[in-house]
Amino acid sequence: MTLPEETLRWRGPVVWWQPVAGWRHALSPELRPRQGQRRTTLCDEDVVLIDPTEVDWLMPTCDTCMSLACGRMEQRRLHEDEEARRRAAIRRLTGESE
């Protein structure tokens, strides 16, 4: 069985993780994090991003950001499942093979 090409395509991150203000916070995926950016985390903290050290990555993860990031991942999965069902239905209607 071969998988459709769209199944293998990387869709980008659900969130970006960034250690800042004593926690690893999640940021929306539209803009890649860069040192000096002023951003709002998923938990609604306004922060200025740092150039994190290896030790900074050991900061605890913000529970609120983690919960919201997991919700975003679930939403993406549900959307992808719905898209797969839609494509399968179109293939059945048009007589295309999988």
PDB file of N, CA and C in Angstrom:
ATOM      1  N   MET A   1       0.846  -1.185   0.000  1.00  0.00           N
ATOM      2  CA  MET A   1       0.000   0.000   0.000  1.00  0.00           C
ATOM      3  C   MET A   1       0.888   1.243   0.000  1.00  0.00           C
ATOM      4  N   THR A   2       0.623   2.146  -0.890  1.00  0.00           N
ATOM      5  CA  THR A   2       1.354   3.406  -0.911  1.00  0.00           C
ATOM      6  C   THR A   2       0.500   4.494  -0.288  1.00  0.00           C
ATOM      7  N   LEU A   3       1.168   5.376   0.433  1.00  0.00           N
ATOM      8  CA  LEU A   3       0.466   6.484   1.078  1.00  0.00           C
ATOM      9  C   LEU A   3       0.407   7.666   0.126  1.00  0.00           C
ATOM     10  N   PRO A   4      -0.701   8.397   0.159  1.00  0.00           N
ATOM     11  CA  PRO A   4      -0.764   9.608  -0.662  1.00  0.00           C
ATOM     12  C   PRO A   4       0.320  10.590  -0.229  1.00  0.00           C
ATOM     13  N   GLU A   5       0.849  11.342  -1.188  1.00  0.00           N
ATOM     14  CA  GLU A   5       1.939  12.274  -0.901  1.00  0.00           C
ATOM     15  C   GLU A   5       1.580  13.258   0.205  1.00  0.00           C
ATOM     16  N   GLU A   6       0.305  13.715   0.250  1.00  0.00           N
ATOM     17  CA  GLU A   6      -0.078  14.699   1.264  1.00  0.00           C
ATOM     18  C   GLU A   6       0.005  14.120   2.681  1.00  0.00           C
ATOM     19  N   THR A   7      -0.032  12.795   2.815  1.00  0.00           N
ATOM     20  CA  THR A   7       0.093  12.159   4.124  1.00  0.00           C
ATOM     21  C   THR A   7       1.507  12.326   4.660  1.00  0.00           C
ATOM     22  N   LEU A   8       2.489  12.369   3.779  1.00  0.00           N
ATOM     23  CA  LEU A   8       3.887  12.429   4.180  1.00  0.00           C
ATOM     24  C   LEU A   8       4.412  13.854   4.322  1.00  0.00           C
ATOM     25  N   ARG A   9       3.647  14.820   3.885  1.00  0.00           N
ATOM     26  CA  ARG A   9       4.104  16.215   3.909  1.00  0.00           C
ATOM     27  C   ARG A   9       4.080  16.757   5.340  1.00  0.00           C
ATOM     28  N   TRP A  10       5.172  17.418   5.748  1.00  0.00           N
ATOM     29  CA  TRP A  10       5.241  18.035   7.074  1.00  0.00           C
ATOM     30  C   TRP A  10       4.420  19.303   7.051  1.00  0.00           C
ATOM     31  N   ARG A  11       3.560  19.477   8.019  1.00  0.00           N
ATOM     32  CA  ARG A  11       2.667  20.619   8.046  1.00  0.00           C
ATOM     33  C   ARG A  11       3.156  21.735   8.962  1.00  0.00           C
ATOM     34  N   GLY A  12       4.373  21.621   9.454  1.00  0.00           N
ATOM     35  CA  GLY A  12       4.923  22.646  10.330  1.00  0.00           C
ATOM     36  C   GLY A  12       4.559  22.376  11.781  1.00  0.00           C
ATOM     37  N   PRO A  13       5.122  23.157  12.660  1.00  0.00           N
ATOM     38  CA  PRO A  13       4.880  22.911  14.085  1.00  0.00           C
ATOM     39  C   PRO A  13       3.475  23.318  14.498  1.00  0.00           C
ATOM     40  N   VAL A  14       2.982  22.671  15.525  1.00  0.00           N
ATOM     41  CA  VAL A  14       1.707  23.066  16.126  1.00  0.00           C
ATOM     42  C   VAL A  14       1.957  24.315  16.972  1.00  0.00           C
ATOM     43  N   VAL A  15       3.081  24.335  17.657  1.00  0.00           N
ATOM     44  CA  VAL A  15       3.543  25.491  18.434  1.00  0.00           C
ATOM     45  C   VAL A  15       5.070  25.500  18.388  1.00  0.00           C
ATOM     46  N   TRP A  16       5.659  26.626  18.741  1.00  0.00           N
ATOM     47  CA  TRP A  16       7.091  26.707  19.000  1.00  0.00           C
ATOM     48  C   TRP A  16       7.259  26.757  20.502  1.00  0.00           C
ATOM     49  N   TRP A  17       8.234  26.034  21.029  1.00  0.00           N
ATOM     50  CA  TRP A  17       8.539  26.086  22.457  1.00  0.00           C
ATOM     51  C   TRP A  17       9.737  26.991  22.669  1.00  0.00           C
ATOM     52  N   GLN A  18       9.681  27.783  23.725  1.00  0.00           N
ATOM     53  CA  GLN A  18      10.756  28.731  23.998  1.00  0.00           C
ATOM     54  C   GLN A  18      10.897  28.927  25.505  1.00  0.00           C
ATOM     55  N   PRO A  19      12.101  28.707  26.042  1.00  0.00           N
ATOM     56  CA  PRO A  19      12.300  29.007  27.458  1.00  0.00           C
ATOM     57  C   PRO A  19      12.428  30.515  27.652  1.00  0.00           C
ATOM     58  N   VAL A  20      11.595  31.041  28.522  1.00  0.00           N
ATOM     59  CA  VAL A  20      11.619  32.468  28.824  1.00  0.00           C
ATOM     60  C   VAL A  20      10.839  32.707  30.113  1.00  0.00           C
ATOM     61  N   ALA A  21      11.301  33.634  30.908  1.00  0.00           N
ATOM     62  CA  ALA A  21      10.608  34.029  32.141  1.00  0.00           C
ATOM     63  C   ALA A  21      10.461  32.856  33.117  1.00  0.00           C
ATOM     64  N   GLY A  22      11.456  31.976  33.148  1.00  0.00           N
ATOM     65  CA  GLY A  22      11.456  30.888  34.121  1.00  0.00           C
ATOM     66  C   GLY A  22      10.689  29.631  33.731  1.00  0.00           C
ATOM     67  N   TRP A  23      10.117  29.609  32.528  1.00  0.00           N
ATOM     68  CA  TRP A  23       9.332  28.460  32.066  1.00  0.00           C
ATOM     69  C   TRP A  23       9.612  28.206  30.596  1.00  0.00           C
ATOM     70  N   ARG A  24       9.290  26.996  30.152  1.00  0.00           N
ATOM     71  CA  ARG A  24       9.250  26.728  28.708  1.00  0.00           C
ATOM     72  C   ARG A  24       7.816  27.017  28.280  1.00  0.00           C
ATOM     73  N   HIS A  25       7.660  28.067  27.502  1.00  0.00           N
ATOM     74  CA  HIS A  25       6.338  28.497  27.045  1.00  0.00           C
ATOM     75  C   HIS A  25       6.135  28.113  25.591  1.00  0.00           C
ATOM     76  N   ALA A  26       4.878  27.992  25.192  1.00  0.00           N
ATOM     77  CA  ALA A  26       4.518  27.720  23.802  1.00  0.00           C
ATOM     78  C   ALA A  26       4.129  29.028  23.125  1.00  0.00           C
ATOM     79  N   LEU A  27       4.541  29.131  21.864  1.00  0.00           N
ATOM     80  CA  LEU A  27       4.235  30.300  21.032  1.00  0.00           C
ATOM     81  C   LEU A  27       3.492  29.836  19.792  1.00  0.00           C
ATOM     82  N   SER A  28       2.652  30.699  19.249  1.00  0.00           N
ATOM     83  CA  SER A  28       1.929  30.340  18.030  1.00  0.00           C
ATOM     84  C   SER A  28       2.929  30.054  16.901  1.00  0.00           C
ATOM     85  N   PRO A  29       2.564  29.178  15.973  1.00  0.00           N
ATOM     86  CA  PRO A  29       3.518  28.712  14.966  1.00  0.00           C
ATOM     87  C   PRO A  29       3.720  29.642  13.775  1.00  0.00           C
ATOM     88  N   GLU A  30       2.934  30.694  13.672  1.00  0.00           N
ATOM     89  CA  GLU A  30       3.009  31.536  12.471  1.00  0.00           C
ATOM     90  C   GLU A  30       4.354  32.242  12.309  1.00  0.00           C
ATOM     91  N   LEU A  31       5.024  32.517  13.404  1.00  0.00           N
ATOM     92  CA  LEU A  31       6.280  33.255  13.352  1.00  0.00           C
ATOM     93  C   LEU A  31       7.334  32.494  14.151  1.00  0.00           C
ATOM     94  N   ARG A  32       8.422  32.132  13.502  1.00  0.00           N
ATOM     95  CA  ARG A  32       9.501  31.404  14.174  1.00  0.00           C
ATOM     96  C   ARG A  32      10.114  32.296  15.262  1.00  0.00           C
ATOM     97  N   PRO A  33      10.358  31.750  16.462  1.00  0.00           N
ATOM     98  CA  PRO A  33      10.905  32.577  17.543  1.00  0.00           C
ATOM     99  C   PRO A  33      12.340  33.021  17.270  1.00  0.00           C
ATOM    100  N   ARG A  34      12.616  34.274  17.580  1.00  0.00           N
ATOM    101  CA  ARG A  34      13.949  34.851  17.429  1.00  0.00           C
ATOM    102  C   ARG A  34      14.245  35.715  18.648  1.00  0.00           C
ATOM    103  N   GLN A  35      15.493  35.725  19.039  1.00  0.00           N
ATOM    104  CA  GLN A  35      15.926  36.537  20.174  1.00  0.00           C
ATOM    105  C   GLN A  35      15.499  37.993  19.977  1.00  0.00           C
ATOM    106  N   GLY A  36      14.966  38.584  21.040  1.00  0.00           N
ATOM    107  CA  GLY A  36      14.569  39.979  21.009  1.00  0.00           C
ATOM    108  C   GLY A  36      13.131  40.227  20.583  1.00  0.00           C
ATOM    109  N   GLN A  37      12.462  39.208  20.022  1.00  0.00           N
ATOM    110  CA  GLN A  37      11.063  39.395  19.636  1.00  0.00           C
ATOM    111  C   GLN A  37      10.204  39.585  20.883  1.00  0.00           C
ATOM    112  N   ARG A  38       9.209  40.440  20.760  1.00  0.00           N
ATOM    113  CA  ARG A  38       8.194  40.580  21.790  1.00  0.00           C
ATOM    114  C   ARG A  38       7.022  39.719  21.330  1.00  0.00           C
ATOM    115  N   ARG A  39       6.662  38.720  22.140  1.00  0.00           N
ATOM    116  CA  ARG A  39       5.614  37.764  21.755  1.00  0.00           C
ATOM    117  C   ARG A  39       4.658  37.542  22.914  1.00  0.00           C
ATOM    118  N   THR A  40       3.497  37.024  22.611  1.00  0.00           N
ATOM    119  CA  THR A  40       2.537  36.599  23.616  1.00  0.00           C
ATOM    120  C   THR A  40       2.480  35.081  23.570  1.00  0.00           C
ATOM    121  N   THR A  41       2.680  34.450  24.718  1.00  0.00           N
ATOM    122  CA  THR A  41       2.667  32.992  24.804  1.00  0.00           C
ATOM    123  C   THR A  41       1.223  32.494  24.735  1.00  0.00           C
ATOM    124  N   LEU A  42       1.056  31.192  24.568  1.00  0.00           N
ATOM    125  CA  LEU A  42      -0.297  30.645  24.546  1.00  0.00           C
ATOM    126  C   LEU A  42      -1.032  30.910  25.856  1.00  0.00           C
ATOM    127  N   CYS A  43      -0.276  30.989  26.952  1.00  0.00           N
ATOM    128  CA  CYS A  43      -0.910  31.252  28.259  1.00  0.00           C
ATOM    129  C   CYS A  43      -1.109  32.750  28.492  1.00  0.00           C
ATOM    130  N   ASP A  44      -0.891  33.556  27.449  1.00  0.00           N
ATOM    131  CA  ASP A  44      -1.163  34.991  27.451  1.00  0.00           C
ATOM    132  C   ASP A  44      -0.156  35.828  28.229  1.00  0.00           C
ATOM    133  N   GLU A  45       1.083  35.329  28.366  1.00  0.00           N
ATOM    134  CA  GLU A  45       2.167  36.104  28.956  1.00  0.00           C
ATOM    135  C   GLU A  45       2.838  36.912  27.852  1.00  0.00           C
ATOM    136  N   ASP A  46       3.063  38.190  28.093  1.00  0.00           N
ATOM    137  CA  ASP A  46       3.836  39.010  27.156  1.00  0.00           C
ATOM    138  C   ASP A  46       5.301  38.892  27.549  1.00  0.00           C
ATOM    139  N   VAL A  47       6.136  38.426  26.607  1.00  0.00           N
ATOM    140  CA  VAL A  47       7.546  38.171  26.898  1.00  0.00           C
ATOM    141  C   VAL A  47       8.418  38.705  25.773  1.00  0.00           C
ATOM    142  N   VAL A  48       9.686  38.935  26.106  1.00  0.00           N
ATOM    143  CA  VAL A  48      10.707  39.238  25.108  1.00  0.00           C
ATOM    144  C   VAL A  48      11.598  38.005  25.044  1.00  0.00           C
ATOM    145  N   LEU A  49      11.725  37.431  23.856  1.00  0.00           N
ATOM    146  CA  LEU A  49      12.439  36.169  23.704  1.00  0.00           C
ATOM    147  C   LEU A  49      13.938  36.353  23.891  1.00  0.00           C
ATOM    148  N   ILE A  50      14.544  35.342  24.476  1.00  0.00           N
ATOM    149  CA  ILE A  50      15.974  35.324  24.742  1.00  0.00           C
ATOM    150  C   ILE A  50      16.649  34.333  23.811  1.00  0.00           C
ATOM    151  N   ASP A  51      17.967  34.341  23.799  1.00  0.00           N
ATOM    152  CA  ASP A  51      18.740  33.304  23.128  1.00  0.00           C
ATOM    153  C   ASP A  51      19.012  32.262  24.208  1.00  0.00           C
ATOM    154  N   PRO A  52      18.206  31.195  24.258  1.00  0.00           N
ATOM    155  CA  PRO A  52      18.298  30.269  25.387  1.00  0.00           C
ATOM    156  C   PRO A  52      19.591  29.460  25.396  1.00  0.00           C
ATOM    157  N   THR A  53      20.068  29.211  26.598  1.00  0.00           N
ATOM    158  CA  THR A  53      21.221  28.333  26.790  1.00  0.00           C
ATOM    159  C   THR A  53      20.717  26.906  26.913  1.00  0.00           C
ATOM    160  N   GLU A  54      21.625  25.962  26.929  1.00  0.00           N
ATOM    161  CA  GLU A  54      21.234  24.566  27.129  1.00  0.00           C
ATOM    162  C   GLU A  54      20.524  24.391  28.462  1.00  0.00           C
ATOM    163  N   VAL A  55      20.965  25.111  29.484  1.00  0.00           N
ATOM    164  CA  VAL A  55      20.343  25.019  30.813  1.00  0.00           C
ATOM    165  C   VAL A  55      18.931  25.597  30.792  1.00  0.00           C
ATOM    166  N   ASP A  56      18.715  26.663  30.021  1.00  0.00           N
ATOM    167  CA  ASP A  56      17.379  27.260  29.931  1.00  0.00           C
ATOM    168  C   ASP A  56      16.338  26.240  29.475  1.00  0.00           C
ATOM    169  N   TRP A  57      16.741  25.317  28.598  1.00  0.00           N
ATOM    170  CA  TRP A  57      15.799  24.313  28.093  1.00  0.00           C
ATOM    171  C   TRP A  57      15.370  23.326  29.174  1.00  0.00           C
ATOM    172  N   LEU A  58      16.054  23.345  30.317  1.00  0.00           N
ATOM    173  CA  LEU A  58      15.680  22.470  31.436  1.00  0.00           C
ATOM    174  C   LEU A  58      14.623  23.102  32.331  1.00  0.00           C
ATOM    175  N   MET A  59      14.201  24.322  32.032  1.00  0.00           N
ATOM    176  CA  MET A  59      13.149  24.974  32.810  1.00  0.00           C
ATOM    177  C   MET A  59      11.881  24.137  32.725  1.00  0.00           C
ATOM    178  N   PRO A  60      11.046  24.202  33.760  1.00  0.00           N
ATOM    179  CA  PRO A  60       9.785  23.442  33.704  1.00  0.00           C
ATOM    180  C   PRO A  60       8.866  23.989  32.603  1.00  0.00           C
ATOM    181  N   THR A  61       8.031  23.115  32.079  1.00  0.00           N
ATOM    182  CA  THR A  61       7.073  23.498  31.048  1.00  0.00           C
ATOM    183  C   THR A  61       5.847  24.119  31.695  1.00  0.00           C
ATOM    184  N   CYS A  62       5.396  25.210  31.124  1.00  0.00           N
ATOM    185  CA  CYS A  62       4.177  25.871  31.588  1.00  0.00           C
ATOM    186  C   CYS A  62       2.991  24.933  31.352  1.00  0.00           C
ATOM    187  N   ASP A  63       2.263  24.605  32.413  1.00  0.00           N
ATOM    188  CA  ASP A  63       1.131  23.677  32.299  1.00  0.00           C
ATOM    189  C   ASP A  63       0.036  24.200  31.366  1.00  0.00           C
ATOM    190  N   THR A  64      -0.228  25.489  31.441  1.00  0.00           N
ATOM    191  CA  THR A  64      -1.274  26.062  30.590  1.00  0.00           C
ATOM    192  C   THR A  64      -0.871  25.980  29.121  1.00  0.00           C
ATOM    193  N   CYS A  65       0.374  26.334  28.826  1.00  0.00           N
ATOM    194  CA  CYS A  65       0.851  26.224  27.449  1.00  0.00           C
ATOM    195  C   CYS A  65       0.793  24.780  26.958  1.00  0.00           C
ATOM    196  N   MET A  66       1.193  23.843  27.805  1.00  0.00           N
ATOM    197  CA  MET A  66       1.167  22.432  27.406  1.00  0.00           C
ATOM    198  C   MET A  66      -0.260  21.987  27.096  1.00  0.00           C
ATOM    199  N   SER A  67      -1.185  22.359  27.949  1.00  0.00           N
ATOM    200  CA  SER A  67      -2.578  21.983  27.734  1.00  0.00           C
ATOM    201  C   SER A  67      -3.109  22.572  26.428  1.00  0.00           C
ATOM    202  N   LEU A  68      -2.826  23.839  26.186  1.00  0.00           N
ATOM    203  CA  LEU A  68      -3.287  24.483  24.957  1.00  0.00           C
ATOM    204  C   LEU A  68      -2.593  23.904  23.728  1.00  0.00           C
ATOM    205  N   ALA A  69      -1.310  23.574  23.842  1.00  0.00           N
ATOM    206  CA  ALA A  69      -0.587  22.961  22.722  1.00  0.00           C
ATOM    207  C   ALA A  69      -1.168  21.589  22.395  1.00  0.00           C
ATOM    208  N   CYS A  70      -1.486  20.816  23.426  1.00  0.00           N
ATOM    209  CA  CYS A  70      -2.107  19.497  23.196  1.00  0.00           C
ATOM    210  C   CYS A  70      -3.459  19.652  22.510  1.00  0.00           C
ATOM    211  N   GLY A  71      -4.219  20.668  22.901  1.00  0.00           N
ATOM    212  CA  GLY A  71      -5.503  20.930  22.258  1.00  0.00           C
ATOM    213  C   GLY A  71      -5.340  21.285  20.791  1.00  0.00           C
ATOM    214  N   ARG A  72      -4.309  22.078  20.485  1.00  0.00           N
ATOM    215  CA  ARG A  72      -4.041  22.415  19.085  1.00  0.00           C
ATOM    216  C   ARG A  72      -3.662  21.180  18.279  1.00  0.00           C
ATOM    217  N   MET A  73      -2.884  20.288  18.894  1.00  0.00           N
ATOM    218  CA  MET A  73      -2.491  19.062  18.205  1.00  0.00           C
ATOM    219  C   MET A  73      -3.715  18.197  17.920  1.00  0.00           C
ATOM    220  N   GLU A  74      -4.605  18.107  18.889  1.00  0.00           N
ATOM    221  CA  GLU A  74      -5.827  17.319  18.707  1.00  0.00           C
ATOM    222  C   GLU A  74      -6.695  17.922  17.601  1.00  0.00           C
ATOM    223  N   GLN A  75      -6.803  19.247  17.569  1.00  0.00           N
ATOM    224  CA  GLN A  75      -7.571  19.911  16.519  1.00  0.00           C
ATOM    225  C   GLN A  75      -6.977  19.621  15.144  1.00  0.00           C
ATOM    226  N   ARG A  76      -5.650  19.648  15.043  1.00  0.00           N
ATOM    227  CA  ARG A  76      -4.996  19.349  13.772  1.00  0.00           C
ATOM    228  C   ARG A  76      -5.283  17.910  13.363  1.00  0.00           C
ATOM    229  N   ARG A  77      -5.184  16.984  14.320  1.00  0.00           N
ATOM    230  CA  ARG A  77      -5.443  15.580  14.013  1.00  0.00           C
ATOM    231  C   ARG A  77      -6.879  15.384  13.519  1.00  0.00           C
ATOM    232  N   LEU A  78      -7.841  16.012  14.203  1.00  0.00           N
ATOM    233  CA  LEU A  78      -9.239  15.890  13.788  1.00  0.00           C
ATOM    234  C   LEU A  78      -9.444  16.466  12.387  1.00  0.00           C
ATOM    235  N   HIS A  79      -8.817  17.599  12.108  1.00  0.00           N
ATOM    236  CA  HIS A  79      -8.928  18.212  10.788  1.00  0.00           C
ATOM    237  C   HIS A  79      -8.328  17.295   9.717  1.00  0.00           C
ATOM    238  N   GLU A  80      -7.160  16.718  10.011  1.00  0.00           N
ATOM    239  CA  GLU A  80      -6.518  15.828   9.040  1.00  0.00           C
ATOM    240  C   GLU A  80      -7.343  14.568   8.828  1.00  0.00           C
ATOM    241  N   ASP A  81      -7.948  14.032   9.903  1.00  0.00           N
ATOM    242  CA  ASP A  81      -8.817  12.859   9.763  1.00  0.00           C
ATOM    243  C   ASP A  81     -10.023  13.184   8.879  1.00  0.00           C
ATOM    244  N   GLU A  82     -10.611  14.358   9.096  1.00  0.00           N
ATOM    245  CA  GLU A  82     -11.757  14.783   8.290  1.00  0.00           C
ATOM    246  C   GLU A  82     -11.359  14.954   6.825  1.00  0.00           C
ATOM    247  N   GLU A  83     -10.194  15.543   6.585  1.00  0.00           N
ATOM    248  CA  GLU A  83      -9.706  15.705   5.211  1.00  0.00           C
ATOM    249  C   GLU A  83      -9.485  14.346   4.549  1.00  0.00           C
ATOM    250  N   ALA A  84      -8.941  13.387   5.293  1.00  0.00           N
ATOM    251  CA  ALA A  84      -8.708  12.046   4.740  1.00  0.00           C
ATOM    252  C   ALA A  84     -10.037  11.381   4.383  1.00  0.00           C
ATOM    253  N   ARG A  85     -11.040  11.527   5.246  1.00  0.00           N
ATOM    254  CA  ARG A  85     -12.369  10.955   4.949  1.00  0.00           C
ATOM    255  C   ARG A  85     -12.980  11.614   3.714  1.00  0.00           C
ATOM    256  N   ARG A  86     -12.803  12.930   3.595  1.00  0.00           N
ATOM    257  CA  ARG A  86     -13.333  13.653   2.439  1.00  0.00           C
ATOM    258  C   ARG A  86     -12.661  13.184   1.152  1.00  0.00           C
ATOM    259  N   ARG A  87     -11.332  13.041   1.179  1.00  0.00           N
ATOM    260  CA  ARG A  87     -10.610  12.568  -0.014  1.00  0.00           C
ATOM    261  C   ARG A  87     -11.030  11.142  -0.382  1.00  0.00           C
ATOM    262  N   ALA A  88     -11.218  10.296   0.636  1.00  0.00           N
ATOM    263  CA  ALA A  88     -11.642   8.910   0.374  1.00  0.00           C
ATOM    264  C   ALA A  88     -13.036   8.890  -0.257  1.00  0.00           C
ATOM    265  N   ALA A  89     -13.932   9.737   0.224  1.00  0.00           N
ATOM    266  CA  ALA A  89     -15.288   9.795  -0.332  1.00  0.00           C
ATOM    267  C   ALA A  89     -15.248  10.259  -1.784  1.00  0.00           C
ATOM    268  N   ILE A  90     -14.409  11.236  -2.078  1.00  0.00           N
ATOM    269  CA  ILE A  90     -14.286  11.716  -3.464  1.00  0.00           C
ATOM    270  C   ILE A  90     -13.737  10.616  -4.357  1.00  0.00           C
ATOM    271  N   ARG A  91     -12.740   9.875  -3.868  1.00  0.00           N
ATOM    272  CA  ARG A  91     -12.183   8.755  -4.651  1.00  0.00           C
ATOM    273  C   ARG A  91     -13.259   7.715  -4.933  1.00  0.00           C
ATOM    274  N   ARG A  92     -14.078   7.405  -3.915  1.00  0.00           N
ATOM    275  CA  ARG A  92     -15.146   6.423  -4.131  1.00  0.00           C
ATOM    276  C   ARG A  92     -16.152   6.919  -5.162  1.00  0.00           C
ATOM    277  N   LEU A  93     -16.509   8.194  -5.080  1.00  0.00           N
ATOM    278  CA  LEU A  93     -17.487   8.745  -6.018  1.00  0.00           C
ATOM    279  C   LEU A  93     -16.961   8.832  -7.448  1.00  0.00           C
ATOM    280  N   THR A  94     -15.684   9.079  -7.582  1.00  0.00           N
ATOM    281  CA  THR A  94     -15.099   9.222  -8.927  1.00  0.00           C
ATOM    282  C   THR A  94     -14.527   7.923  -9.458  1.00  0.00           C
ATOM    283  N   GLY A  95     -14.507   6.882  -8.617  1.00  0.00           N
ATOM    284  CA  GLY A  95     -13.979   5.586  -9.045  1.00  0.00           C
ATOM    285  C   GLY A  95     -12.466   5.500  -9.058  1.00  0.00           C
ATOM    286  N   GLU A  96     -11.797   6.471  -8.433  1.00  0.00           N
ATOM    287  CA  GLU A  96     -10.335   6.426  -8.356  1.00  0.00           C
ATOM    288  C   GLU A  96      -9.888   5.329  -7.416  1.00  0.00           C
ATOM    289  N   SER A  97      -8.752   4.724  -7.725  1.00  0.00           N
ATOM    290  CA  SER A  97      -8.193   3.736  -6.804  1.00  0.00           C
ATOM    291  C   SER A  97      -7.319   4.451  -5.776  1.00  0.00           C
ATOM    292  N   GLU A  98      -7.102   3.786  -4.643  1.00  0.00           N
ATOM    293  CA  GLU A  98      -6.324   4.405  -3.560  1.00  0.00           C
ATOM    294  C   GLU A  98      -4.873   4.275  -3.775  1.00  0.00           C
TER     295      GLU A  98
END
